[in-house]
Every structure is written in structure tokens, then in C-alpha cells.
Amino acid sequence: MLGRTLLGVTPDQEQKIEAIWKRLPRSVDELAEYSRKTDAVLTEKQRMLVRPIRRRIRREAIDRMLEPARSRFSPEDFEKFRNAIMTRVDKRIDG
């Protein structure tokens, strides 16, 4: 696991994180819940190190969730919609 080397997670932390993320989130609510649970497992230093990685993964998850709606929007409107969702989710999760 990347966490062992990059974050220095303990085996206990690794086990807890794997249990949280055993299934990919299917909604923004689940994504926020998974993030909160993961934050509770990590130390402050580990959370700071993982923040950029989590943001990238979060954006990829949101893109997968929104993909079915792409055909209902013009490309410009879809980008506006996507960016608005991303901003709201970032604010909700990051505070």
C-alpha cells in the first residue's frame, strides 16, 4: 500500500482504511462519509500529506458519478455543472 511508504501508516491504520474503502463510493454523501472516517483514522500530518491525492481521487469519483448526465448538457453547461458540484463537494469535505 502506498500509505505505508508515503504516509507511514501503521498496520492498524491500514486495516481500518481498507475496511472503509472496500467499496467505491456511489454518491457524494458516501464520498464525504468515507473521507470523514478516513480522517478519523489518520494523524494530522498524514491528512496533510494525503490531501492532494484525495482531492484528485475525489474529482475522479465525481466525474464517474456525473458521466451519465453529460449527454443532457451542452459541453459548456456540463463543465459549469461539474465545476459547481466539485466546489460544493470540496467545501463540504474540506470544510
N, C-alpha and C. Protein backbone atom coordinates (compact mmCIF):
# COMPACT_ATOMS: atom_id res chain seq x y z
N MET A 1 0.84 -1.19 0.00
CA MET A 1 0.00 0.00 0.00
C MET A 1 0.88 1.24 0.00
N LEU A 2 0.48 2.22 -0.77
CA LEU A 2 1.19 3.49 -0.87
C LEU A 2 1.29 4.16 0.49
N GLY A 3 0.27 3.96 1.31
CA GLY A 3 0.23 4.60 2.63
C GLY A 3 1.37 4.20 3.53
N ARG A 4 1.85 2.98 3.40
CA ARG A 4 2.96 2.54 4.25
C ARG A 4 4.20 3.37 4.02
N THR A 5 4.50 3.65 2.77
CA THR A 5 5.73 4.38 2.47
C THR A 5 5.52 5.89 2.50
N LEU A 6 4.49 6.37 1.86
CA LEU A 6 4.26 7.81 1.77
C LEU A 6 3.77 8.39 3.09
N LEU A 7 2.81 7.74 3.70
CA LEU A 7 2.18 8.29 4.91
C LEU A 7 2.72 7.69 6.20
N GLY A 8 3.35 6.54 6.11
CA GLY A 8 3.82 5.88 7.31
C GLY A 8 2.68 5.36 8.17
N VAL A 9 1.62 4.83 7.52
CA VAL A 9 0.51 4.30 8.30
C VAL A 9 0.92 3.02 9.01
N THR A 10 0.31 2.81 10.14
CA THR A 10 0.54 1.59 10.90
C THR A 10 -0.31 0.47 10.30
N PRO A 11 0.00 -0.78 10.61
CA PRO A 11 -0.85 -1.87 10.11
C PRO A 11 -2.31 -1.72 10.56
N ASP A 12 -2.52 -1.22 11.77
CA ASP A 12 -3.88 -1.00 12.26
C ASP A 12 -4.60 0.06 11.43
N GLN A 13 -3.90 1.17 11.13
CA GLN A 13 -4.49 2.22 10.29
C GLN A 13 -4.81 1.68 8.90
N GLU A 14 -3.87 0.93 8.35
CA GLU A 14 -4.07 0.36 7.01
C GLU A 14 -5.30 -0.52 6.97
N GLN A 15 -5.47 -1.34 7.97
CA GLN A 15 -6.63 -2.24 8.02
C GLN A 15 -7.93 -1.44 8.11
N LYS A 16 -7.95 -0.41 8.92
CA LYS A 16 -9.15 0.42 9.06
C LYS A 16 -9.48 1.15 7.76
N ILE A 17 -8.47 1.68 7.10
CA ILE A 17 -8.68 2.41 5.84
C ILE A 17 -9.18 1.46 4.76
N GLU A 18 -8.60 0.28 4.67
CA GLU A 18 -9.06 -0.70 3.67
C GLU A 18 -10.51 -1.10 3.92
N ALA A 19 -10.90 -1.20 5.19
CA ALA A 19 -12.29 -1.54 5.51
C ALA A 19 -13.24 -0.42 5.07
N ILE A 20 -12.81 0.82 5.21
CA ILE A 20 -13.64 1.96 4.80
C ILE A 20 -13.82 1.97 3.29
N TRP A 21 -12.73 1.76 2.55
CA TRP A 21 -12.74 1.90 1.10
C TRP A 21 -12.89 0.58 0.36
N LYS A 22 -13.44 -0.45 1.00
CA LYS A 22 -13.58 -1.76 0.35
C LYS A 22 -14.51 -1.68 -0.86
N ARG A 23 -15.39 -0.69 -0.86
CA ARG A 23 -16.30 -0.47 -1.99
C ARG A 23 -16.20 1.01 -2.37
N LEU A 24 -16.13 1.29 -3.65
CA LEU A 24 -16.06 2.68 -4.10
C LEU A 24 -17.36 3.41 -3.74
N PRO A 25 -17.27 4.67 -3.36
CA PRO A 25 -18.49 5.42 -3.03
C PRO A 25 -19.36 5.59 -4.27
N ARG A 26 -20.67 5.54 -4.04
CA ARG A 26 -21.62 5.65 -5.15
C ARG A 26 -22.32 7.00 -5.16
N SER A 27 -22.12 7.79 -4.14
CA SER A 27 -22.76 9.10 -4.08
C SER A 27 -21.83 10.08 -3.39
N VAL A 28 -22.16 11.35 -3.51
CA VAL A 28 -21.37 12.38 -2.85
C VAL A 28 -21.46 12.21 -1.34
N ASP A 29 -22.63 11.82 -0.84
CA ASP A 29 -22.78 11.59 0.59
C ASP A 29 -21.84 10.49 1.08
N GLU A 30 -21.76 9.40 0.34
CA GLU A 30 -20.85 8.31 0.70
C GLU A 30 -19.40 8.78 0.63
N LEU A 31 -19.08 9.56 -0.39
CA LEU A 31 -17.72 10.07 -0.54
C LEU A 31 -17.34 10.92 0.66
N ALA A 32 -18.24 11.78 1.10
CA ALA A 32 -17.99 12.61 2.27
C ALA A 32 -17.85 11.75 3.53
N GLU A 33 -18.69 10.75 3.66
CA GLU A 33 -18.64 9.86 4.82
C GLU A 33 -17.31 9.09 4.85
N TYR A 34 -16.89 8.55 3.72
CA TYR A 34 -15.63 7.81 3.64
C TYR A 34 -14.47 8.73 4.03
N SER A 35 -14.51 9.96 3.55
CA SER A 35 -13.43 10.91 3.86
C SER A 35 -13.38 11.22 5.34
N ARG A 36 -14.54 11.43 5.96
CA ARG A 36 -14.58 11.71 7.40
C ARG A 36 -14.05 10.52 8.20
N LYS A 37 -14.46 9.33 7.81
CA LYS A 37 -13.99 8.13 8.51
C LYS A 37 -12.48 7.96 8.34
N THR A 38 -11.97 8.22 7.16
CA THR A 38 -10.54 8.11 6.90
C THR A 38 -9.78 9.14 7.72
N ASP A 39 -10.29 10.37 7.77
CA ASP A 39 -9.64 11.41 8.57
C ASP A 39 -9.54 11.01 10.03
N ALA A 40 -10.54 10.32 10.53
CA ALA A 40 -10.54 9.90 11.93
C ALA A 40 -9.44 8.87 12.20
N VAL A 41 -9.04 8.14 11.19
CA VAL A 41 -8.01 7.11 11.33
C VAL A 41 -6.60 7.71 11.23
N LEU A 42 -6.45 8.76 10.41
CA LEU A 42 -5.13 9.33 10.14
C LEU A 42 -4.75 10.40 11.16
N THR A 43 -3.45 10.62 11.31
CA THR A 43 -2.96 11.72 12.13
C THR A 43 -3.05 13.02 11.32
N GLU A 44 -2.88 14.14 11.97
CA GLU A 44 -2.92 15.44 11.27
C GLU A 44 -1.87 15.52 10.17
N LYS A 45 -0.67 15.06 10.45
CA LYS A 45 0.40 15.09 9.45
C LYS A 45 0.04 14.21 8.25
N GLN A 46 -0.49 13.03 8.52
CA GLN A 46 -0.89 12.13 7.43
C GLN A 46 -2.00 12.75 6.60
N ARG A 47 -2.96 13.41 7.24
CA ARG A 47 -4.05 14.06 6.49
C ARG A 47 -3.51 15.14 5.57
N MET A 48 -2.53 15.90 6.03
CA MET A 48 -1.95 16.96 5.20
C MET A 48 -1.23 16.36 3.99
N LEU A 49 -0.53 15.26 4.20
CA LEU A 49 0.20 14.62 3.10
C LEU A 49 -0.74 14.03 2.05
N VAL A 50 -1.85 13.50 2.50
CA VAL A 50 -2.75 12.80 1.58
C VAL A 50 -3.77 13.75 0.93
N ARG A 51 -3.91 14.96 1.42
CA ARG A 51 -4.92 15.90 0.91
C ARG A 51 -4.91 16.05 -0.62
N PRO A 52 -3.76 16.32 -1.26
CA PRO A 52 -3.78 16.48 -2.73
C PRO A 52 -4.19 15.20 -3.47
N ILE A 53 -3.77 14.06 -2.93
CA ILE A 53 -4.12 12.79 -3.56
C ILE A 53 -5.62 12.54 -3.44
N ARG A 54 -6.15 12.80 -2.25
CA ARG A 54 -7.58 12.61 -2.02
C ARG A 54 -8.41 13.52 -2.91
N ARG A 55 -7.96 14.75 -3.08
CA ARG A 55 -8.71 15.69 -3.93
C ARG A 55 -8.77 15.17 -5.36
N ARG A 56 -7.66 14.64 -5.87
CA ARG A 56 -7.63 14.09 -7.24
C ARG A 56 -8.55 12.88 -7.34
N ILE A 57 -8.48 11.98 -6.37
CA ILE A 57 -9.33 10.79 -6.37
C ILE A 57 -10.80 11.19 -6.26
N ARG A 58 -11.08 12.19 -5.41
CA ARG A 58 -12.45 12.67 -5.25
C ARG A 58 -12.99 13.20 -6.58
N ARG A 59 -12.18 13.95 -7.29
CA ARG A 59 -12.61 14.50 -8.58
C ARG A 59 -12.87 13.39 -9.60
N GLU A 60 -12.04 12.36 -9.59
CA GLU A 60 -12.26 11.23 -10.50
C GLU A 60 -13.57 10.51 -10.15
N ALA A 61 -13.83 10.34 -8.86
CA ALA A 61 -15.08 9.68 -8.44
C ALA A 61 -16.29 10.50 -8.85
N ILE A 62 -16.21 11.80 -8.68
CA ILE A 62 -17.34 12.67 -9.07
C ILE A 62 -17.52 12.63 -10.58
N ASP A 63 -16.44 12.64 -11.33
CA ASP A 63 -16.55 12.53 -12.79
C ASP A 63 -17.29 11.26 -13.20
N ARG A 64 -16.97 10.13 -12.53
CA ARG A 64 -17.66 8.87 -12.84
C ARG A 64 -19.15 8.97 -12.50
N MET A 65 -19.46 9.62 -11.39
CA MET A 65 -20.87 9.76 -10.99
C MET A 65 -21.65 10.65 -11.95
N LEU A 66 -21.00 11.69 -12.47
CA LEU A 66 -21.69 12.65 -13.33
C LEU A 66 -21.73 12.25 -14.80
N GLU A 67 -20.90 11.33 -15.20
CA GLU A 67 -20.79 10.95 -16.62
C GLU A 67 -22.14 10.64 -17.27
N PRO A 68 -23.04 9.92 -16.62
CA PRO A 68 -24.33 9.64 -17.27
C PRO A 68 -25.13 10.91 -17.60
N ALA A 69 -24.88 12.00 -16.92
CA ALA A 69 -25.62 13.24 -17.16
C ALA A 69 -25.02 14.07 -18.29
N ARG A 70 -23.84 13.72 -18.75
CA ARG A 70 -23.13 14.53 -19.76
C ARG A 70 -23.98 14.77 -21.01
N SER A 71 -24.69 13.77 -21.47
CA SER A 71 -25.45 13.89 -22.71
C SER A 71 -26.63 14.86 -22.60
N ARG A 72 -27.03 15.21 -21.39
CA ARG A 72 -28.16 16.12 -21.20
C ARG A 72 -27.76 17.59 -21.20
N PHE A 73 -26.48 17.87 -21.32
CA PHE A 73 -25.97 19.24 -21.26
C PHE A 73 -25.12 19.55 -22.49
N SER A 74 -25.02 20.82 -22.79
CA SER A 74 -24.02 21.22 -23.78
C SER A 74 -22.66 21.08 -23.09
N PRO A 75 -21.58 20.98 -23.85
CA PRO A 75 -20.26 20.83 -23.21
C PRO A 75 -19.96 21.96 -22.21
N GLU A 76 -20.32 23.19 -22.57
CA GLU A 76 -20.06 24.32 -21.68
C GLU A 76 -20.89 24.23 -20.41
N ASP A 77 -22.17 23.90 -20.56
CA ASP A 77 -23.05 23.79 -19.39
C ASP A 77 -22.65 22.62 -18.50
N PHE A 78 -22.18 21.53 -19.11
CA PHE A 78 -21.74 20.40 -18.31
C PHE A 78 -20.53 20.78 -17.47
N GLU A 79 -19.59 21.51 -18.06
CA GLU A 79 -18.41 21.95 -17.30
C GLU A 79 -18.81 22.86 -16.15
N LYS A 80 -19.76 23.76 -16.39
CA LYS A 80 -20.24 24.65 -15.31
C LYS A 80 -20.88 23.81 -14.20
N PHE A 81 -21.73 22.85 -14.59
CA PHE A 81 -22.40 21.97 -13.64
C PHE A 81 -21.36 21.17 -12.85
N ARG A 82 -20.42 20.57 -13.56
CA ARG A 82 -19.38 19.76 -12.94
C ARG A 82 -18.55 20.59 -11.96
N ASN A 83 -18.14 21.77 -12.38
CA ASN A 83 -17.34 22.64 -11.52
C ASN A 83 -18.11 23.08 -10.29
N ALA A 84 -19.40 23.35 -10.44
CA ALA A 84 -20.23 23.72 -9.29
C ALA A 84 -20.33 22.57 -8.30
N ILE A 85 -20.51 21.37 -8.80
CA ILE A 85 -20.58 20.19 -7.94
C ILE A 85 -19.24 19.98 -7.23
N MET A 86 -18.15 20.07 -7.97
CA MET A 86 -16.82 19.88 -7.39
C MET A 86 -16.58 20.89 -6.27
N THR A 87 -16.93 22.14 -6.50
CA THR A 87 -16.74 23.19 -5.50
C THR A 87 -17.54 22.89 -4.24
N ARG A 88 -18.80 22.51 -4.43
CA ARG A 88 -19.65 22.19 -3.28
C ARG A 88 -19.12 21.00 -2.49
N VAL A 89 -18.66 19.98 -3.20
CA VAL A 89 -18.13 18.79 -2.52
C VAL A 89 -16.84 19.13 -1.79
N ASP A 90 -15.95 19.89 -2.44
CA ASP A 90 -14.70 20.29 -1.78
C ASP A 90 -15.00 21.06 -0.50
N LYS A 91 -15.93 21.98 -0.57
CA LYS A 91 -16.28 22.78 0.59
C LYS A 91 -16.87 21.90 1.70
N ARG A 92 -17.69 20.96 1.30
CA ARG A 92 -18.34 20.07 2.27
C ARG A 92 -17.33 19.15 2.96
N ILE A 93 -16.39 18.63 2.21
CA ILE A 93 -15.44 17.68 2.76
C ILE A 93 -14.25 18.37 3.44
N ASP A 94 -13.72 19.40 2.79
CA ASP A 94 -12.52 20.06 3.32
C ASP A 94 -12.86 21.14 4.36
N GLY A 95 -14.12 21.51 4.40
CA GLY A 95 -14.53 22.48 5.42
C GLY A 95 -14.53 23.86 4.97
